[in-house]
Amino acid sequence: MPAEADRTAPATFSPAQRAIINRLQHGLPLVPRPYAAVAEELGLSEAALLDHLHDLLATGILTRFGPMFHAGELGGGLTLAAMRIPEADFARVSEQVNSFAEVAHNYRREHQLNMWFVLATETGEAIAEVIRAIEAKTGYPVYNMPKEEEFHVRLHFAV
């Protein structure tokens, strides 16, 4: 199990780690060896780049690194969902919601609807099925907020 990073102290990065994190936030090139191509851009070997990524994941500085697929464009379903969960039940319900493979990520908000998560399913019809299953498992209603319009916002956290 990777060690958890101390979220209260600012992370310190080597120049190579800083360059890797900043570059990879813009995606990987679609070439046979994408890590080698990025490593070359950064003046590193492919092995060094992969070692740095492994270290960042092992220490918990990066919690996930991998592709993101647009479920809707692949014939699947995608929706934003929210729940109103009493504080005393939040941890239990969060664990139950996260047990569903279709939950892409789950986060707390300071709002009446205090639990928000994204559902990604293999078919559009499966969204309703998963919502019903989450409601049955947790005992709380799920508010489905399907996308009406898509906006592309490039989010980049420079380090």
N, C-alpha and C. Protein backbone atom coordinates (compact mmCIF):
# COMPACT_ATOMS: atom_id res chain seq x y z
N MET A 1 0.85 -1.17 0.00
CA MET A 1 0.00 0.00 0.00
C MET A 1 0.90 1.23 0.00
N PRO A 2 0.68 2.20 -0.93
CA PRO A 2 1.52 3.38 -0.98
C PRO A 2 1.35 4.21 0.28
N ALA A 3 2.44 4.84 0.69
CA ALA A 3 2.37 5.75 1.83
C ALA A 3 1.55 6.97 1.44
N GLU A 4 0.77 7.45 2.36
CA GLU A 4 -0.02 8.65 2.11
C GLU A 4 0.87 9.88 2.23
N ALA A 5 0.75 10.80 1.30
CA ALA A 5 1.49 12.05 1.37
C ALA A 5 0.89 12.92 2.47
N ASP A 6 1.72 13.71 3.12
CA ASP A 6 1.25 14.64 4.14
C ASP A 6 0.57 15.79 3.42
N ARG A 7 -0.76 15.86 3.51
CA ARG A 7 -1.53 16.87 2.77
C ARG A 7 -1.44 18.25 3.41
N THR A 8 -0.83 18.36 4.60
CA THR A 8 -0.74 19.65 5.26
C THR A 8 0.56 20.36 4.89
N ALA A 9 1.58 19.63 4.49
CA ALA A 9 2.86 20.23 4.13
C ALA A 9 2.95 20.36 2.61
N PRO A 10 3.51 21.46 2.12
CA PRO A 10 3.64 21.58 0.66
C PRO A 10 4.63 20.55 0.13
N ALA A 11 4.30 19.99 -1.00
CA ALA A 11 5.17 18.98 -1.62
C ALA A 11 6.39 19.68 -2.20
N THR A 12 7.51 19.01 -2.15
CA THR A 12 8.71 19.52 -2.80
C THR A 12 9.04 18.58 -3.94
N PHE A 13 9.43 19.15 -5.05
CA PHE A 13 9.70 18.38 -6.24
C PHE A 13 11.10 18.64 -6.76
N SER A 14 11.69 17.62 -7.32
CA SER A 14 12.96 17.81 -8.03
C SER A 14 12.63 18.54 -9.34
N PRO A 15 13.62 19.15 -9.96
CA PRO A 15 13.34 19.79 -11.26
C PRO A 15 12.74 18.81 -12.28
N ALA A 16 13.20 17.57 -12.28
CA ALA A 16 12.66 16.58 -13.23
C ALA A 16 11.21 16.26 -12.90
N GLN A 17 10.88 16.06 -11.62
CA GLN A 17 9.50 15.79 -11.23
C GLN A 17 8.59 16.95 -11.61
N ARG A 18 9.05 18.16 -11.35
CA ARG A 18 8.27 19.35 -11.70
C ARG A 18 7.99 19.39 -13.20
N ALA A 19 9.02 19.13 -14.00
CA ALA A 19 8.86 19.15 -15.45
C ALA A 19 7.90 18.06 -15.91
N ILE A 20 8.01 16.87 -15.33
CA ILE A 20 7.15 15.74 -15.70
C ILE A 20 5.69 16.05 -15.36
N ILE A 21 5.44 16.51 -14.14
CA ILE A 21 4.06 16.80 -13.72
C ILE A 21 3.46 17.88 -14.61
N ASN A 22 4.20 18.95 -14.84
CA ASN A 22 3.67 20.03 -15.68
C ASN A 22 3.42 19.56 -17.11
N ARG A 23 4.32 18.76 -17.67
CA ARG A 23 4.16 18.30 -19.06
C ARG A 23 3.02 17.31 -19.21
N LEU A 24 2.91 16.35 -18.30
CA LEU A 24 1.92 15.29 -18.46
C LEU A 24 0.49 15.76 -18.23
N GLN A 25 0.32 16.92 -17.63
CA GLN A 25 -1.04 17.47 -17.49
C GLN A 25 -1.63 17.85 -18.84
N HIS A 26 -0.78 17.92 -19.86
CA HIS A 26 -1.25 18.25 -21.21
C HIS A 26 -1.47 17.02 -22.07
N GLY A 27 -1.32 15.83 -21.48
CA GLY A 27 -1.60 14.61 -22.21
C GLY A 27 -0.36 13.96 -22.79
N LEU A 28 -0.57 12.77 -23.28
CA LEU A 28 0.50 12.00 -23.92
C LEU A 28 0.33 12.03 -25.43
N PRO A 29 1.43 12.04 -26.17
CA PRO A 29 1.29 11.98 -27.62
C PRO A 29 0.81 10.59 -28.06
N LEU A 30 0.09 10.55 -29.14
CA LEU A 30 -0.40 9.28 -29.69
C LEU A 30 0.65 8.70 -30.63
N VAL A 31 1.64 8.09 -30.02
CA VAL A 31 2.75 7.47 -30.74
C VAL A 31 3.00 6.10 -30.10
N PRO A 32 3.74 5.22 -30.77
CA PRO A 32 3.96 3.88 -30.20
C PRO A 32 4.61 3.90 -28.82
N ARG A 33 5.49 4.85 -28.52
CA ARG A 33 6.16 4.91 -27.21
C ARG A 33 5.99 6.32 -26.63
N PRO A 34 4.80 6.61 -26.09
CA PRO A 34 4.52 7.98 -25.63
C PRO A 34 5.44 8.44 -24.50
N TYR A 35 5.81 7.54 -23.58
CA TYR A 35 6.69 7.95 -22.48
C TYR A 35 8.08 8.30 -23.00
N ALA A 36 8.55 7.56 -23.99
CA ALA A 36 9.86 7.86 -24.59
C ALA A 36 9.82 9.23 -25.27
N ALA A 37 8.72 9.52 -25.96
CA ALA A 37 8.60 10.81 -26.64
C ALA A 37 8.59 11.97 -25.64
N VAL A 38 7.85 11.83 -24.55
CA VAL A 38 7.81 12.88 -23.53
C VAL A 38 9.17 12.99 -22.85
N ALA A 39 9.78 11.86 -22.55
CA ALA A 39 11.10 11.89 -21.92
C ALA A 39 12.09 12.65 -22.79
N GLU A 40 12.05 12.39 -24.10
CA GLU A 40 12.96 13.09 -25.01
C GLU A 40 12.69 14.60 -24.98
N GLU A 41 11.40 15.01 -24.97
CA GLU A 41 11.07 16.43 -24.87
C GLU A 41 11.70 17.07 -23.63
N LEU A 42 11.72 16.30 -22.54
CA LEU A 42 12.19 16.82 -21.25
C LEU A 42 13.68 16.58 -21.01
N GLY A 43 14.36 15.94 -21.96
CA GLY A 43 15.78 15.68 -21.79
C GLY A 43 16.08 14.58 -20.79
N LEU A 44 15.16 13.61 -20.68
CA LEU A 44 15.31 12.48 -19.76
C LEU A 44 15.31 11.18 -20.55
N SER A 45 15.72 10.11 -19.89
CA SER A 45 15.53 8.80 -20.50
C SER A 45 14.10 8.34 -20.17
N GLU A 46 13.60 7.42 -20.97
CA GLU A 46 12.27 6.87 -20.71
C GLU A 46 12.24 6.19 -19.34
N ALA A 47 13.29 5.46 -19.00
CA ALA A 47 13.36 4.77 -17.70
C ALA A 47 13.31 5.77 -16.55
N ALA A 48 14.02 6.90 -16.68
CA ALA A 48 14.01 7.91 -15.62
C ALA A 48 12.62 8.51 -15.45
N LEU A 49 11.96 8.81 -16.56
CA LEU A 49 10.60 9.35 -16.48
C LEU A 49 9.67 8.36 -15.78
N LEU A 50 9.75 7.10 -16.15
CA LEU A 50 8.89 6.08 -15.53
C LEU A 50 9.23 5.89 -14.06
N ASP A 51 10.51 5.95 -13.70
CA ASP A 51 10.90 5.85 -12.29
C ASP A 51 10.32 7.01 -11.49
N HIS A 52 10.38 8.22 -12.03
CA HIS A 52 9.81 9.39 -11.34
C HIS A 52 8.30 9.22 -11.15
N LEU A 53 7.60 8.75 -12.19
CA LEU A 53 6.15 8.53 -12.07
C LEU A 53 5.85 7.50 -10.99
N HIS A 54 6.61 6.41 -10.98
CA HIS A 54 6.42 5.37 -9.96
C HIS A 54 6.61 5.96 -8.57
N ASP A 55 7.65 6.76 -8.37
CA ASP A 55 7.91 7.36 -7.06
C ASP A 55 6.79 8.31 -6.65
N LEU A 56 6.29 9.12 -7.59
CA LEU A 56 5.21 10.06 -7.28
C LEU A 56 3.93 9.33 -6.89
N LEU A 57 3.67 8.19 -7.52
CA LEU A 57 2.51 7.38 -7.16
C LEU A 57 2.72 6.68 -5.83
N ALA A 58 3.91 6.14 -5.61
CA ALA A 58 4.20 5.39 -4.38
C ALA A 58 4.12 6.28 -3.14
N THR A 59 4.50 7.54 -3.28
CA THR A 59 4.47 8.45 -2.13
C THR A 59 3.11 9.11 -1.95
N GLY A 60 2.20 8.92 -2.89
CA GLY A 60 0.87 9.51 -2.77
C GLY A 60 0.77 10.92 -3.29
N ILE A 61 1.85 11.47 -3.85
CA ILE A 61 1.78 12.81 -4.42
C ILE A 61 0.85 12.78 -5.62
N LEU A 62 0.99 11.76 -6.45
CA LEU A 62 0.00 11.47 -7.49
C LEU A 62 -0.83 10.31 -6.97
N THR A 63 -2.14 10.42 -7.06
CA THR A 63 -2.99 9.34 -6.58
C THR A 63 -3.49 8.46 -7.72
N ARG A 64 -3.47 8.97 -8.93
CA ARG A 64 -3.91 8.20 -10.07
C ARG A 64 -3.24 8.76 -11.29
N PHE A 65 -2.81 7.87 -12.17
CA PHE A 65 -2.25 8.30 -13.44
C PHE A 65 -2.71 7.31 -14.47
N GLY A 66 -3.46 7.77 -15.44
CA GLY A 66 -3.94 6.88 -16.48
C GLY A 66 -4.83 7.62 -17.44
N PRO A 67 -5.31 6.91 -18.44
CA PRO A 67 -6.14 7.56 -19.46
C PRO A 67 -7.52 7.91 -18.94
N MET A 68 -8.11 8.90 -19.57
CA MET A 68 -9.51 9.25 -19.30
C MET A 68 -10.25 9.07 -20.62
N PHE A 69 -11.30 8.29 -20.57
CA PHE A 69 -12.09 8.02 -21.77
C PHE A 69 -13.42 8.75 -21.65
N HIS A 70 -13.92 9.23 -22.76
CA HIS A 70 -15.21 9.91 -22.80
C HIS A 70 -16.28 8.83 -23.02
N ALA A 71 -16.89 8.38 -21.92
CA ALA A 71 -17.84 7.26 -21.99
C ALA A 71 -18.96 7.52 -22.98
N GLY A 72 -19.49 8.73 -23.02
CA GLY A 72 -20.59 9.04 -23.93
C GLY A 72 -20.22 8.87 -25.39
N GLU A 73 -19.02 9.24 -25.75
CA GLU A 73 -18.59 9.11 -27.14
C GLU A 73 -18.26 7.68 -27.51
N LEU A 74 -18.11 6.82 -26.50
CA LEU A 74 -17.85 5.41 -26.76
C LEU A 74 -19.13 4.58 -26.66
N GLY A 75 -20.28 5.25 -26.60
CA GLY A 75 -21.56 4.56 -26.54
C GLY A 75 -22.06 4.31 -25.13
N GLY A 76 -21.33 4.78 -24.15
CA GLY A 76 -21.72 4.57 -22.75
C GLY A 76 -22.49 5.74 -22.18
N GLY A 77 -22.70 5.69 -20.88
CA GLY A 77 -23.40 6.75 -20.18
C GLY A 77 -22.45 7.48 -19.24
N LEU A 78 -22.72 8.75 -19.04
CA LEU A 78 -21.91 9.58 -18.15
C LEU A 78 -22.82 10.60 -17.51
N THR A 79 -22.74 10.72 -16.18
CA THR A 79 -23.56 11.71 -15.50
C THR A 79 -22.91 12.16 -14.21
N LEU A 80 -23.28 13.33 -13.77
CA LEU A 80 -22.89 13.85 -12.46
C LEU A 80 -24.05 13.56 -11.52
N ALA A 81 -23.75 13.09 -10.34
CA ALA A 81 -24.79 12.76 -9.37
C ALA A 81 -24.43 13.37 -8.02
N ALA A 82 -25.46 13.60 -7.21
CA ALA A 82 -25.23 14.17 -5.88
C ALA A 82 -26.17 13.52 -4.89
N MET A 83 -25.76 13.59 -3.62
CA MET A 83 -26.58 13.05 -2.54
C MET A 83 -26.51 13.99 -1.34
N ARG A 84 -27.54 13.95 -0.53
CA ARG A 84 -27.60 14.70 0.73
C ARG A 84 -27.42 13.67 1.84
N ILE A 85 -26.24 13.69 2.48
CA ILE A 85 -25.90 12.66 3.47
C ILE A 85 -25.62 13.33 4.82
N PRO A 86 -26.30 12.88 5.89
CA PRO A 86 -25.98 13.41 7.22
C PRO A 86 -24.53 13.11 7.57
N GLU A 87 -23.90 14.05 8.27
CA GLU A 87 -22.48 13.90 8.62
C GLU A 87 -22.20 12.57 9.31
N ALA A 88 -23.07 12.15 10.19
CA ALA A 88 -22.85 10.92 10.95
C ALA A 88 -22.81 9.68 10.04
N ASP A 89 -23.38 9.78 8.86
CA ASP A 89 -23.46 8.64 7.94
C ASP A 89 -22.55 8.81 6.73
N PHE A 90 -21.82 9.92 6.67
CA PHE A 90 -21.06 10.25 5.46
C PHE A 90 -20.01 9.19 5.12
N ALA A 91 -19.21 8.78 6.08
CA ALA A 91 -18.14 7.82 5.81
C ALA A 91 -18.70 6.49 5.30
N ARG A 92 -19.76 6.00 5.94
CA ARG A 92 -20.37 4.72 5.51
C ARG A 92 -20.88 4.82 4.08
N VAL A 93 -21.62 5.89 3.80
CA VAL A 93 -22.22 6.03 2.48
C VAL A 93 -21.14 6.25 1.41
N SER A 94 -20.12 7.00 1.76
CA SER A 94 -19.02 7.23 0.82
C SER A 94 -18.36 5.90 0.44
N GLU A 95 -18.13 5.06 1.42
CA GLU A 95 -17.55 3.74 1.16
C GLU A 95 -18.48 2.90 0.28
N GLN A 96 -19.77 2.96 0.55
CA GLN A 96 -20.72 2.20 -0.25
C GLN A 96 -20.78 2.71 -1.69
N VAL A 97 -20.82 4.02 -1.86
CA VAL A 97 -20.87 4.60 -3.20
C VAL A 97 -19.59 4.23 -3.96
N ASN A 98 -18.45 4.35 -3.29
CA ASN A 98 -17.17 4.06 -3.94
C ASN A 98 -17.00 2.58 -4.29
N SER A 99 -17.83 1.72 -3.71
CA SER A 99 -17.72 0.29 -4.03
C SER A 99 -18.26 -0.03 -5.42
N PHE A 100 -18.94 0.89 -6.05
CA PHE A 100 -19.48 0.68 -7.40
C PHE A 100 -18.39 1.00 -8.42
N ALA A 101 -18.12 0.06 -9.30
CA ALA A 101 -17.09 0.24 -10.34
C ALA A 101 -17.42 1.42 -11.25
N GLU A 102 -18.69 1.77 -11.35
CA GLU A 102 -19.11 2.85 -12.25
C GLU A 102 -18.83 4.24 -11.68
N VAL A 103 -18.45 4.34 -10.41
CA VAL A 103 -18.16 5.63 -9.80
C VAL A 103 -16.74 6.03 -10.17
N ALA A 104 -16.64 7.10 -10.99
CA ALA A 104 -15.33 7.55 -11.45
C ALA A 104 -14.59 8.29 -10.35
N HIS A 105 -15.25 9.14 -9.62
CA HIS A 105 -14.67 9.79 -8.46
C HIS A 105 -15.79 10.35 -7.61
N ASN A 106 -15.49 10.55 -6.35
CA ASN A 106 -16.48 10.95 -5.36
C ASN A 106 -15.84 12.01 -4.47
N TYR A 107 -16.53 13.11 -4.24
CA TYR A 107 -15.94 14.16 -3.42
C TYR A 107 -16.99 14.85 -2.57
N ARG A 108 -16.54 15.41 -1.46
CA ARG A 108 -17.39 16.12 -0.51
C ARG A 108 -17.49 17.59 -0.92
N ARG A 109 -18.70 18.14 -0.76
CA ARG A 109 -18.93 19.57 -1.00
C ARG A 109 -19.54 20.18 0.24
N GLU A 110 -19.28 21.45 0.46
CA GLU A 110 -19.91 22.19 1.56
C GLU A 110 -21.21 22.76 1.00
N HIS A 111 -22.26 21.98 1.04
CA HIS A 111 -23.54 22.32 0.42
C HIS A 111 -24.56 21.34 0.98
N GLN A 112 -25.86 21.64 0.82
CA GLN A 112 -26.87 20.67 1.25
C GLN A 112 -26.66 19.34 0.55
N LEU A 113 -26.36 19.40 -0.74
CA LEU A 113 -25.98 18.19 -1.47
C LEU A 113 -24.47 18.07 -1.27
N ASN A 114 -24.08 17.27 -0.29
CA ASN A 114 -22.68 17.28 0.14
C ASN A 114 -21.81 16.16 -0.41
N MET A 115 -22.40 15.24 -1.15
CA MET A 115 -21.61 14.17 -1.79
C MET A 115 -21.89 14.21 -3.29
N TRP A 116 -20.83 14.37 -4.06
CA TRP A 116 -20.94 14.46 -5.52
C TRP A 116 -20.04 13.40 -6.14
N PHE A 117 -20.53 12.77 -7.20
CA PHE A 117 -19.72 11.77 -7.88
C PHE A 117 -20.12 11.68 -9.34
N VAL A 118 -19.23 11.14 -10.14
CA VAL A 118 -19.46 10.95 -11.57
C VAL A 118 -19.69 9.46 -11.79
N LEU A 119 -20.71 9.14 -12.56
CA LEU A 119 -20.99 7.76 -12.97
C LEU A 119 -20.65 7.61 -14.44
N ALA A 120 -19.93 6.56 -14.76
CA ALA A 120 -19.63 6.22 -16.15
C ALA A 120 -20.02 4.76 -16.34
N THR A 121 -20.90 4.52 -17.31
CA THR A 121 -21.41 3.17 -17.54
C THR A 121 -21.20 2.74 -18.99
N GLU A 122 -21.31 1.45 -19.22
CA GLU A 122 -21.10 0.93 -20.57
C GLU A 122 -22.22 1.33 -21.53
N THR A 123 -23.42 1.55 -21.01
CA THR A 123 -24.54 1.98 -21.85
C THR A 123 -25.23 3.17 -21.17
N GLY A 124 -25.90 3.97 -21.95
CA GLY A 124 -26.64 5.09 -21.39
C GLY A 124 -27.73 4.64 -20.45
N GLU A 125 -28.39 3.53 -20.76
CA GLU A 125 -29.49 3.02 -19.94
C GLU A 125 -29.01 2.55 -18.57
N ALA A 126 -27.76 2.17 -18.48
CA ALA A 126 -27.23 1.64 -17.21
C ALA A 126 -27.11 2.69 -16.12
N ILE A 127 -27.10 3.97 -16.49
CA ILE A 127 -27.02 5.03 -15.48
C ILE A 127 -28.17 4.89 -14.49
N ALA A 128 -29.40 4.77 -14.98
CA ALA A 128 -30.56 4.66 -14.10
C ALA A 128 -30.47 3.41 -13.23
N GLU A 129 -29.97 2.31 -13.79
CA GLU A 129 -29.83 1.07 -13.01
C GLU A 129 -28.84 1.24 -11.86
N VAL A 130 -27.72 1.88 -12.14
CA VAL A 130 -26.70 2.08 -11.11
C VAL A 130 -27.23 3.04 -10.04
N ILE A 131 -27.93 4.07 -10.45
CA ILE A 131 -28.51 5.00 -9.47
C ILE A 131 -29.47 4.26 -8.54
N ARG A 132 -30.33 3.42 -9.12
CA ARG A 132 -31.26 2.64 -8.28
C ARG A 132 -30.50 1.73 -7.32
N ALA A 133 -29.42 1.13 -7.79
CA ALA A 133 -28.63 0.23 -6.94
C ALA A 133 -27.94 1.00 -5.82
N ILE A 134 -27.43 2.20 -6.11
CA ILE A 134 -26.81 3.02 -5.06
C ILE A 134 -27.85 3.43 -4.03
N GLU A 135 -29.03 3.82 -4.50
CA GLU A 135 -30.10 4.19 -3.57
C GLU A 135 -30.49 3.01 -2.68
N ALA A 136 -30.58 1.83 -3.27
CA ALA A 136 -30.95 0.64 -2.50
C ALA A 136 -29.87 0.29 -1.47
N LYS A 137 -28.62 0.42 -1.85
CA LYS A 137 -27.53 0.06 -0.96
C LYS A 137 -27.35 1.06 0.17
N THR A 138 -27.52 2.36 -0.14
CA THR A 138 -27.24 3.40 0.86
C THR A 138 -28.46 3.82 1.67
N GLY A 139 -29.65 3.68 1.07
CA GLY A 139 -30.86 4.16 1.72
C GLY A 139 -31.12 5.64 1.52
N TYR A 140 -30.37 6.28 0.64
CA TYR A 140 -30.54 7.71 0.37
C TYR A 140 -30.80 7.95 -1.12
N PRO A 141 -31.58 8.99 -1.45
CA PRO A 141 -31.82 9.29 -2.87
C PRO A 141 -30.58 9.87 -3.55
N VAL A 142 -30.47 9.57 -4.84
CA VAL A 142 -29.40 10.10 -5.68
C VAL A 142 -30.05 11.09 -6.64
N TYR A 143 -29.46 12.27 -6.73
CA TYR A 143 -29.93 13.29 -7.67
C TYR A 143 -29.07 13.22 -8.92
N ASN A 144 -29.69 12.85 -10.03
CA ASN A 144 -29.00 12.69 -11.30
C ASN A 144 -28.98 14.03 -12.03
N MET A 145 -27.81 14.46 -12.45
CA MET A 145 -27.66 15.75 -13.15
C MET A 145 -26.93 15.54 -14.46
N PRO A 146 -27.63 14.97 -15.44
CA PRO A 146 -26.95 14.69 -16.71
C PRO A 146 -26.53 15.98 -17.41
N LYS A 147 -25.50 15.86 -18.19
CA LYS A 147 -24.94 16.99 -18.93
C LYS A 147 -25.96 17.48 -19.96
N GLU A 148 -26.15 18.79 -19.99
CA GLU A 148 -27.00 19.39 -21.03
C GLU A 148 -26.14 20.01 -22.13
N GLU A 149 -24.99 20.50 -21.73
CA GLU A 149 -24.07 21.11 -22.69
C GLU A 149 -22.66 20.87 -22.19
N GLU A 150 -21.74 20.63 -23.11
CA GLU A 150 -20.36 20.35 -22.72
C GLU A 150 -19.48 21.56 -22.96
N PHE A 151 -18.65 21.84 -21.98
CA PHE A 151 -17.67 22.92 -22.08
C PHE A 151 -16.29 22.30 -21.87
N HIS A 152 -15.35 22.71 -22.65
CA HIS A 152 -13.98 22.20 -22.51
C HIS A 152 -13.15 23.25 -21.78
N VAL A 153 -12.80 22.93 -20.56
CA VAL A 153 -12.00 23.83 -19.74
C VAL A 153 -10.68 23.12 -19.48
N ARG A 154 -9.61 23.71 -19.93
CA ARG A 154 -8.30 23.11 -19.68
C ARG A 154 -7.87 23.48 -18.28
N LEU A 155 -7.76 22.51 -17.43
CA LEU A 155 -7.35 22.72 -16.06
C LEU A 155 -5.91 22.27 -15.91
N HIS A 156 -5.07 23.15 -15.45
CA HIS A 156 -3.66 22.84 -15.30
C HIS A 156 -3.19 23.40 -13.96
N PHE A 157 -2.56 22.56 -13.17
CA PHE A 157 -2.01 22.98 -11.89
C PHE A 157 -0.48 23.02 -12.03
N ALA A 158 0.05 24.18 -12.30
CA ALA A 158 1.49 24.30 -12.45
C ALA A 158 2.18 24.06 -11.11
N VAL A 159 3.24 23.26 -11.12
CA VAL A 159 4.00 23.02 -9.89
C VAL A 159 5.42 23.53 -10.08
